[in-house]
Structure formats: C-alpha cells, structure tokens
Protein backbone atom coordinates (compact mmCIF):
# COMPACT_ATOMS: atom_id res chain seq x y z
CA MET A 1 32.59 71.43 5.48
CA ALA A 2 28.56 71.18 6.57
CA SER A 3 28.36 69.37 3.60
CA GLY A 4 31.00 67.08 3.75
CA ALA A 5 29.71 66.36 7.04
CA ALA A 6 26.04 65.27 5.89
CA GLY A 7 27.48 63.69 3.36
CA ALA A 8 29.58 61.55 5.81
CA ALA A 9 26.29 61.07 8.25
CA GLY A 10 24.36 59.96 4.82
CA ALA A 11 27.10 57.50 3.71
CA PHE A 12 26.87 56.03 7.20
CA LEU A 13 23.48 55.52 7.85
CA ALA A 14 22.95 54.36 4.36
CA ALA A 15 25.69 51.90 5.29
CA THR A 16 24.06 51.47 8.62
CA MET A 17 20.19 50.56 6.96
CA ALA A 18 22.20 48.16 4.39
CA ALA A 19 23.65 46.25 7.24
CA LEU A 20 19.97 45.82 8.97
CA ASN A 21 18.39 44.87 5.49
CA SER A 22 21.34 41.98 5.13
CA ASN A 23 21.19 41.14 8.61
CA SER A 24 17.27 41.12 8.37
CA ALA A 25 17.63 39.07 5.55
CA SER A 26 19.91 36.61 7.20
CA ALA A 27 17.35 36.09 9.98
CA ARG A 28 14.64 35.64 6.98
CA ALA A 29 16.42 33.08 5.47
CA ALA A 30 17.57 31.41 8.60
CA GLY A 31 13.71 31.24 10.01
CA ASP A 32 12.47 29.81 6.64
CA LYS A 33 15.44 27.43 6.38
CA ALA A 34 14.60 26.35 9.86
CA PHE A 35 10.67 26.48 9.01
CA LEU A 36 11.47 24.18 5.91
CA GLU A 37 13.29 21.84 8.04
CA GLN A 38 10.86 21.85 10.54
CA LEU A 39 8.03 21.15 7.70
CA TYR A 40 10.34 18.47 6.02
CA LYS A 41 10.88 16.38 9.31
CA GLU A 42 7.17 16.01 10.15
CA LEU A 43 6.86 14.79 6.85
CA GLU A 44 5.07 10.64 6.86
CA SER A 45 5.74 8.59 3.94
CA PRO A 46 7.08 4.60 2.99
CA PHE A 47 10.29 6.99 2.95
CA VAL A 48 10.71 6.92 6.51
CA TRP A 49 8.76 4.65 7.87
CA GLY A 50 11.35 2.01 7.80
CA LEU A 51 9.05 -1.21 5.95
CA LEU A 52 12.64 -3.61 5.61
CA PRO A 53 15.57 -2.30 7.45
CA SER A 54 17.16 -5.18 8.05
CA LEU A 55 17.51 -5.07 4.57
CA GLY A 56 20.35 -2.78 4.76
CA SER A 57 20.73 0.90 2.60
CA HIS A 58 23.30 -0.25 -0.07
CA ARG A 59 21.58 0.34 -2.85
CA SER A 60 24.44 -0.54 -5.20
CA ASP A 61 22.94 -4.55 -4.10
CA SER A 62 19.51 -4.58 -6.48
CA SER A 63 18.95 -8.17 -6.17
CA ARG A 64 17.95 -7.53 -2.50
CA TRP A 65 14.78 -5.31 -3.57
CA ASP A 66 14.11 -7.09 -6.88
CA CYS A 67 12.21 -9.92 -5.20
CA HIS A 68 9.66 -7.45 -3.51
CA ILE A 69 9.71 -5.58 -6.67
CA ARG A 70 8.87 -8.46 -8.89
CA ARG A 71 5.99 -9.70 -6.53
CA LEU A 72 4.26 -6.37 -5.86
CA ALA A 73 3.88 -5.70 -9.30
CA ASP A 74 2.08 -9.00 -9.96
CA VAL A 75 -0.01 -8.53 -6.92
CA LEU A 76 -0.93 -4.87 -8.30
CA GLN A 77 -2.56 -6.68 -11.36
CA VAL A 78 -4.91 -7.93 -8.57
CA ALA A 79 -5.16 -5.47 -6.16
CA ASP A 80 -8.51 -5.16 -4.32
CA SER A 81 -9.03 -1.36 -4.59
CA PRO A 82 -7.58 1.93 -5.14
CA TRP A 83 -6.61 1.94 -1.60
CA THR A 84 -4.22 -1.05 -2.45
CA ARG A 85 -3.36 0.33 -5.40
CA VAL A 86 -2.45 3.55 -4.05
CA VAL A 87 -0.22 1.18 -0.99
CA LEU A 88 1.49 -0.91 -3.75
CA HIS A 89 2.93 2.15 -5.87
CA LEU A 90 4.05 3.95 -2.91
CA ASN A 91 5.75 0.24 -1.58
CA LEU A 92 7.57 0.05 -4.97
CA SER A 93 8.06 3.58 -4.96
CA TRP A 94 10.12 3.45 -1.93
CA LEU A 95 11.80 -0.22 -3.35
CA PHE A 96 12.45 1.66 -6.53
CA PHE A 97 14.56 4.38 -4.91
CA LYS A 98 16.74 1.57 -2.39
CA ARG A 99 17.12 -0.11 -5.80
CA GLY A 100 18.89 3.03 -6.90
CA ASP A 101 16.16 3.75 -9.38
CA ASN A 102 14.83 6.94 -9.08
CA ARG A 103 13.10 7.49 -12.29
CA THR A 104 11.04 4.66 -12.07
CA SER A 105 10.34 5.38 -8.62
CA ARG A 106 9.16 8.87 -9.44
CA SER A 107 6.61 6.85 -12.30
CA HIS A 108 5.07 5.00 -9.13
CA LEU A 109 4.33 8.13 -7.43
CA ALA A 110 2.44 9.61 -10.56
CA GLU A 111 0.88 6.49 -10.77
CA ALA A 112 -0.48 7.03 -7.49
CA ASP A 113 -1.27 10.44 -7.81
CA ALA A 114 -3.40 8.96 -10.87
CA VAL A 115 -5.06 6.59 -8.51
CA LEU A 116 -6.07 8.85 -5.87
CA GLY A 117 -7.48 11.80 -9.03
CA MET A 118 -9.65 8.91 -10.49
CA ALA A 119 -10.97 7.88 -6.72
CA GLN A 120 -14.18 9.67 -6.81
CA TRP A 121 -15.45 7.86 -10.13
CA SER A 122 -14.67 4.41 -8.94
CA GLY A 123 -17.54 3.94 -7.10
CA ALA A 124 -17.73 1.73 -3.63
CA GLU A 125 -14.51 0.11 -4.30
CA ALA A 126 -12.97 3.54 -3.39
CA GLY A 127 -14.47 4.10 -0.31
CA LEU A 128 -11.74 3.62 2.05
CA LEU A 129 -9.14 5.79 -0.08
CA LEU A 130 -12.29 8.34 -0.72
CA ARG A 131 -12.55 8.44 3.58
CA GLY A 132 -8.26 8.24 4.09
CA GLU A 133 -8.18 11.04 0.74
CA GLU A 134 -6.20 13.46 2.49
CA ALA A 135 -3.42 11.33 4.64
CA ALA A 136 -3.21 9.62 1.32
CA ARG A 137 -2.61 13.06 -0.15
CA HIS A 138 -0.16 13.94 2.59
CA ALA A 139 1.40 10.56 1.95
CA LEU A 140 2.16 11.17 -1.29
CA GLY A 141 3.51 14.46 -1.19
CA ALA A 142 5.95 13.44 1.55
CA ALA A 143 7.45 10.83 -0.91
CA TRP A 144 7.79 13.11 -4.21
CA ALA A 145 9.75 15.09 -1.38
CA HIS A 146 11.58 12.57 0.37
CA LEU A 147 12.60 11.89 -3.25
CA ALA A 148 13.21 14.99 -4.51
CA HIS A 149 15.61 16.36 -1.58
CA VAL A 150 18.02 13.10 -2.85
CA CYS A 151 19.30 16.31 -5.36
CA THR A 152 17.14 19.25 -4.52
CA PRO A 153 18.02 21.53 -1.61
CA LEU A 154 14.45 22.21 0.87
CA ALA A 155 14.90 25.90 -0.18
CA ASP A 156 14.12 25.20 -3.84
CA MET A 157 11.20 22.83 -2.84
CA GLN A 158 9.37 25.66 -0.43
CA PRO A 159 6.41 25.86 -2.48
CA GLU A 160 5.71 22.17 -2.58
CA LEU A 161 6.71 21.43 0.84
CA VAL A 162 3.95 24.25 1.57
CA ASP A 163 1.17 22.70 -0.06
CA ILE A 164 1.24 19.87 2.28
CA THR A 165 -0.77 19.40 5.18
CA PRO A 166 1.36 19.04 8.17
CA VAL A 167 0.24 15.85 10.01
CA ARG A 168 -0.52 17.99 12.90
CA ARG A 169 -3.49 19.48 11.09
CA LEU A 170 -5.30 16.50 10.00
CA GLY A 171 -8.14 15.35 11.94
CA PRO A 172 -8.57 12.08 13.85
CA GLY A 173 -9.62 10.28 11.10
CA GLN A 174 -7.00 11.57 8.85
CA ARG A 175 -4.55 10.89 11.42
CA ALA A 176 -5.86 7.67 11.86
CA ALA A 177 -5.63 6.63 7.89
CA LEU A 178 -2.05 7.65 7.96
CA TYR A 179 -1.45 5.22 10.54
CA GLY A 180 -3.49 3.01 8.42
CA LEU A 181 -1.60 3.65 5.52
CA GLN A 182 1.54 2.88 6.91
CA ALA A 183 0.32 -0.70 8.23
CA SER A 184 -0.96 -1.47 4.96
CA CYS A 185 2.17 -0.98 3.48
CA LEU A 186 4.07 -3.40 5.89
CA TYR A 187 1.22 -5.55 5.18
CA PHE A 188 2.77 -6.54 1.88
CA LEU A 189 5.83 -6.77 2.95
CA CYS A 190 5.37 -9.19 5.65
CA VAL A 191 7.85 -11.21 4.44
CA GLN A 192 10.22 -10.08 7.11
CA GLY A 193 8.62 -11.86 9.99
CA GLU A 194 7.54 -11.63 13.61
CA LYS A 195 9.21 -8.27 13.89
CA MET A 196 7.60 -6.44 10.89
CA GLY A 197 4.33 -8.06 11.77
CA LYS A 198 4.71 -6.28 14.80
CA LYS A 199 5.31 -3.00 13.42
CA MET A 200 1.81 -3.49 11.45
CA VAL A 201 0.03 -4.49 14.13
CA SER A 202 0.81 -1.54 16.35
CA ALA A 203 0.46 1.00 13.25
CA ALA A 204 -2.86 -0.69 12.81
CA ARG A 205 -3.57 -0.53 16.25
CA LYS A 206 -2.85 3.51 16.32
CA ALA A 207 -5.30 3.63 13.49
CA SER A 208 -8.18 1.81 15.26
CA GLY A 209 -7.52 3.59 18.34
CA LEU A 210 -8.28 7.05 16.57
CA GLN A 211 -11.16 5.15 14.42
CA PRO A 212 -12.36 2.55 16.03
CA GLU A 213 -15.09 2.05 13.15
CA GLU A 214 -12.88 1.78 10.31
CA GLY A 215 -13.51 -2.42 10.03
CA GLU A 216 -9.90 -2.42 7.97
CA TRP A 217 -7.91 -1.80 10.67
CA LEU A 218 -9.41 -4.16 12.84
CA LEU A 219 -8.70 -6.83 9.86
CA LEU A 220 -5.08 -5.36 9.38
CA MET A 221 -4.49 -6.15 13.95
CA GLY A 222 -5.87 -9.56 12.92
CA LYS A 223 -9.08 -9.44 14.60
CA ARG A 224 -12.04 -11.62 13.56
CA PRO A 225 -14.97 -8.82 13.24
CA ASP A 226 -17.69 -9.72 16.28
CA ALA A 227 -20.89 -10.62 15.16
CA ALA A 228 -22.49 -7.43 14.26
CA ALA A 229 -19.66 -6.24 11.90
CA ALA A 230 -19.31 -9.59 10.86
CA GLY A 231 -22.06 -8.15 8.59
CA LEU A 232 -20.66 -5.45 6.81
CA GLU A 233 -22.84 -3.16 6.14
CA GLY A 234 -22.59 0.23 4.04
CA ASP A 235 -18.42 1.57 4.51
CA ALA A 236 -17.63 -1.73 6.16
CA MET A 237 -18.27 -3.60 2.98
CA THR A 238 -15.47 -3.41 1.05
CA PRO A 239 -13.33 -6.05 -1.18
CA HIS A 240 -10.90 -6.98 0.87
CA ALA A 241 -12.67 -6.92 4.21
CA ALA A 242 -15.36 -9.81 1.96
CA VAL A 243 -13.03 -11.20 1.50
CA TYR A 244 -10.85 -11.52 4.40
CA THR A 245 -13.74 -11.81 6.34
CA ALA A 246 -15.22 -15.01 4.26
CA THR A 247 -11.89 -16.70 5.13
CA ARG A 248 -12.05 -16.30 8.42
CA HIS A 249 -15.48 -18.10 8.30
CA VAL A 250 -14.26 -21.12 6.13
CA TYR A 251 -11.02 -21.33 8.64
CA CYS A 252 -13.76 -21.39 11.40
CA GLY A 253 -16.06 -23.78 9.13
CA GLU A 254 -18.62 -21.31 8.91
CA TRP A 255 -19.28 -22.15 4.95
CA LEU A 256 -22.89 -20.79 4.52
CA ALA A 257 -21.81 -17.20 6.26
CA ALA A 258 -18.55 -17.24 3.56
CA ARG A 259 -20.68 -18.04 1.04
CA VAL A 260 -23.00 -15.53 1.86
CA LEU A 261 -20.54 -12.69 1.88
CA LEU A 262 -18.72 -13.83 -1.66
CA ARG A 263 -22.00 -13.50 -3.54
CA ARG A 264 -22.49 -10.45 -2.16
CA ALA A 265 -18.97 -9.12 -3.28
CA LEU A 266 -19.44 -10.75 -6.67
CA ASP A 267 -22.71 -9.31 -7.06
CA LEU A 268 -21.06 -6.12 -6.17
CA TRP A 269 -17.95 -6.21 -8.13
CA PRO A 270 -18.23 -8.74 -11.03
CA ALA A 271 -15.37 -7.02 -12.69
CA ASN A 272 -12.71 -7.26 -9.88
CA VAL A 273 -10.32 -9.27 -10.40
CA TYR A 274 -9.30 -9.79 -6.09
CA VAL A 275 -12.89 -10.66 -6.04
CA GLN A 276 -13.15 -13.25 -8.78
CA ALA A 277 -9.91 -15.10 -8.17
CA TYR A 278 -10.37 -14.96 -4.65
CA VAL A 279 -13.35 -16.69 -4.52
CA ALA A 280 -12.14 -19.27 -7.28
CA TYR A 281 -9.78 -20.08 -5.11
CA LEU A 282 -12.18 -20.39 -2.13
CA TYR A 283 -14.67 -22.47 -3.69
CA ALA A 284 -11.54 -24.65 -5.12
CA GLY A 285 -10.83 -25.77 -1.86
CA TRP A 286 -14.44 -26.71 -1.60
CA VAL A 287 -14.49 -29.39 -4.23
CA GLN A 288 -11.40 -30.46 -2.74
CA GLU A 289 -12.70 -31.33 0.44
CA GLN A 290 -16.32 -32.49 -1.00
CA LEU A 291 -18.57 -30.23 0.49
CA PRO A 292 -22.12 -30.49 -0.93
CA PRO A 293 -22.70 -29.16 -3.70
CA ALA A 294 -19.55 -30.20 -4.86
CA ALA A 295 -20.56 -29.62 -8.26
CA ALA A 296 -22.02 -26.26 -7.79
CA HIS A 297 -18.67 -25.26 -6.48
CA GLU A 298 -16.72 -26.61 -9.25
CA ARG A 299 -19.19 -24.70 -11.51
CA VAL A 300 -18.25 -21.40 -9.36
CA ALA A 301 -14.55 -21.88 -9.23
CA GLU A 302 -14.30 -22.41 -12.82
CA ARG A 303 -16.59 -19.55 -14.19
CA CYS A 304 -14.68 -17.43 -11.63
CA SER A 305 -11.13 -17.99 -12.38
CA VAL A 306 -11.94 -18.02 -16.38
CA GLU A 307 -12.99 -14.45 -15.67
CA ALA A 308 -9.93 -13.85 -13.31
CA VAL A 309 -7.83 -14.67 -15.95
CA ARG A 310 -9.60 -12.12 -18.41
CA LEU A 311 -9.29 -9.45 -16.03
CA ALA A 312 -5.76 -9.89 -15.83
CA PRO A 313 -4.16 -12.33 -18.37
CA GLY A 314 -0.73 -11.23 -17.58
CA CYS A 315 -0.68 -11.60 -13.92
CA VAL A 316 0.73 -15.59 -12.79
CA LEU A 317 -1.11 -15.10 -9.19
CA VAL A 318 -4.43 -15.07 -11.52
CA HIS A 319 -3.15 -18.25 -13.65
CA ALA A 320 -1.90 -20.35 -10.44
CA VAL A 321 -5.37 -20.03 -9.31
CA ARG A 322 -6.91 -20.91 -12.28
CA ARG A 323 -4.39 -24.16 -12.46
CA LEU A 324 -5.44 -24.57 -9.25
CA VAL A 325 -9.09 -25.10 -10.72
CA ARG A 326 -8.02 -26.46 -13.51
CA PRO A 327 -4.41 -28.54 -13.13
CA GLU A 328 -4.12 -28.77 -17.07
CA HIS A 329 -4.00 -24.76 -17.89
CA ASN A 330 -1.16 -23.44 -19.04
CA SER A 331 0.06 -19.70 -19.92
CA PRO A 332 3.27 -18.09 -20.37
CA CYS A 333 3.17 -16.44 -17.57
CA LEU A 334 3.47 -19.19 -15.42
CA SER A 335 6.94 -20.17 -16.34
CA ARG A 336 7.57 -16.79 -14.18
CA CYS A 337 6.17 -17.93 -11.53
CA SER A 338 9.77 -19.26 -10.08
CA LYS A 339 11.37 -16.09 -10.82
CA VAL A 340 8.17 -13.46 -9.23
CA TYR A 341 7.36 -15.60 -6.31
CA GLY A 342 10.76 -17.71 -5.53
CA MET A 343 8.74 -20.92 -5.64
CA GLY A 344 7.64 -22.98 -9.24
CA VAL A 345 3.56 -23.11 -10.09
CA ASP A 346 3.16 -26.42 -9.39
CA GLU A 347 4.46 -26.19 -5.77
CA MET A 348 2.54 -23.10 -4.96
CA VAL A 349 -0.88 -24.69 -5.97
CA THR A 350 -0.04 -27.50 -3.74
CA LYS A 351 0.50 -24.65 -1.09
CA MET A 352 -3.08 -23.27 -1.79
CA ARG A 353 -4.63 -26.82 -1.24
CA GLY A 354 -3.07 -26.30 2.51
CA SER A 355 -4.90 -23.30 4.06
CA CYS A 356 -7.44 -21.10 2.58
CA PHE A 357 -5.23 -18.19 3.87
CA VAL A 358 -2.48 -19.27 1.31
CA LEU A 359 -3.30 -16.92 -1.27
CA GLU A 360 -3.39 -14.04 0.69
CA GLY A 361 -0.07 -14.95 2.28
CA ILE A 362 1.40 -15.38 -0.91
CA MET A 363 0.27 -12.03 -1.91
CA CYS A 364 1.78 -10.08 1.36
CA GLY A 365 5.17 -11.72 1.01
CA PHE A 366 4.35 -13.67 4.12
CA VAL A 367 4.31 -17.04 2.12
CA SER A 368 7.54 -17.41 -0.14
CA GLY A 369 10.08 -19.55 -2.11
CA HIS A 370 12.25 -16.60 -1.55
CA LYS A 371 14.84 -17.06 0.75
CA GLU A 372 15.06 -13.94 3.27
CA LYS A 373 16.46 -13.19 6.52
CA ARG A 374 13.68 -13.06 8.96
CA VAL A 375 13.96 -10.49 11.60
C-alpha cells in the first residue's frame, strides 16, 4: 500500500512538474512572440513609409508601378553617390514588391547591401553613407524583414530580427540619418506632388533637428545654404551638394560662384557620371544664354557630355543631355525616352532649356510626361 501511495504521489508530482514546465514554455513562447512582434513593429524601411499611398495596394495592377520602376532604374545609372544608390535600390525593392515581383525586390536589397559593403572603399563620395551607415543598415535589415514576413512567420525570423539595431538604440546622428533616408526615398518619388513633398520636407526637418550640421538635410528641405555653408568644405562637399548648390547659384544669377563649385566637383570626382552630366547641362544653358566666354562654355559642355555618355552608355537621361549639347546626337537609348520618362527626347530637351532645375526635376519624377494622379 505504501509503495502504491508513493507511486501515486510520484506520478502526481511528475504530472504537476510537466504541467508547470508546459505552462512555463507557453509563457516563454508567448513572451517571445510579443517580443518579436514589438521588434517587428519598430522597424523602419520604405515598406512602411507610405511612399506612394495614393496608388493603392493592388499588387496585381503592375502598370501603376512600372513608370516609377523604369525611371528609377535609369536614374540609378547616374546616381551621384553610394547614398543615392542605396536609396534608389530601396525604392526599387519596394516598388517591385508592390508590383508583385518579390524575387526582383530581394535582388535590389542585395544590391543595396553590396553598396554598403563597398562604401569604405568608395572615397569621399561615400561620406554621407558612412556617416549614416548604422541607420542605412537598420533600414536595409528592416526591408529584408518586411519582405520576408510576407511568407515567413516571425518565429522563424528571430535570429535576423534580433540582429537589427532598434531605432531606440540609435544615437541622435543615426536617427537623423534614418529620417534623412526616408526624406531621400521620398525625394525620388516627388511625382506625387504637394502632399508627398510636405512629407519629404517633414522627414528632412526632423533629420536636421537632430543633426543640424549635415547639409544634405537642408538641401532636402529646399533651403539655400548660408554664405559660410555654401563654401562646402570638408564633409559638406558631396557631389549632390556641389551640384545642387551650384544650380541654386545659377538660378540666382551668381555665375562665378556656380563655376567655382562645378570646377571643384569635376576635380574631385572626374569619374562621377552625375557630376559630368550636370556640368554639361548647366554649361549648355550658359551657351544658350550666350554668357561669356561662350566658346569656353561650349567646350566644357562638349567634353563633359561626351564623358557622361562614356561612363553611362545605357542611360537615357545622359543621352538626352548629350542631345541638349549636340542636337544631332542620336542613340538607340533615346528611343526609350518616351517609355521611361513619358515624353520624347525632343520634348525633354525643350524642357531642359527652360530652367536650370529641370534635370533634377526629371530625375526625382516631378517633371514627367507620365499622367499621375497628384495628391
């Protein structure tokens, strides 16, 4: 009897311990699930930034994403810096996801990862990306997670999720870079007009509030640098900052200041297709306006447009700049101009002659022949 009682007690104890262990495991599982859901909720990437909300979420209608995809793929060939290449790959990844092409979406994330991996060997062009590297890695990891979670449970993504630095653990400079990355992604989708422009400026303003010394955030806010910042010394001298600031000088009639910046940019980045194409574009405008010395301006426009075509022979935009400089220029690439940008090359060249900011507008999508619903 004693042995039977002992056996019953042992069985009861074993059952109780098993129940407690089961409850503990369930509690841990519930805790892990809540933890992972919180991590996932805090992720920041183009997949949750609402870059083109008015287009809806009907992934089966691929046509509504195609005009953006074609334009950004062309602009990618003339990207000014590794930062911009990461931005464009992130945008393209999101657009292909919306189009229903997850495989190509993943390939653009892999390309962004490759750009990040090479940044330290990319010289001064990569300065902005290196200064915001941790933020860029968060956005890239978050984009991978957002894409993977379409068909993968969070429990199976735990190693990847815990490896992504949470936004709350980023320092002020990296949080600023994350806002700046969002603003940059929106910048290249300005085709949506006023509402999205305000959203971009809001993100850039948050970035500048956390990191006022970073000139790129001021440019995204549409602000002209003050006299001291316009010198663009040290980290402030980037291809985009140099070209954009020079363009602002042109717009204000400050030709000498513009030429000084453009010459510095050419000296620093002779193999940068964005710099070469933009210098050709601005100098061609001076030739058109017959600003002295016109012959020297024409030589610079000729030399830089030829070099831009050599650096990016498959880029429609570069060939359009070459057509601006040399009206007789032709290339098979130009036959794609209407499909990529919604306007023929002659219409594009005519627009380029109208303002020093048109080329930038074409790149970011604000100047476009595609019929888009503005919001």
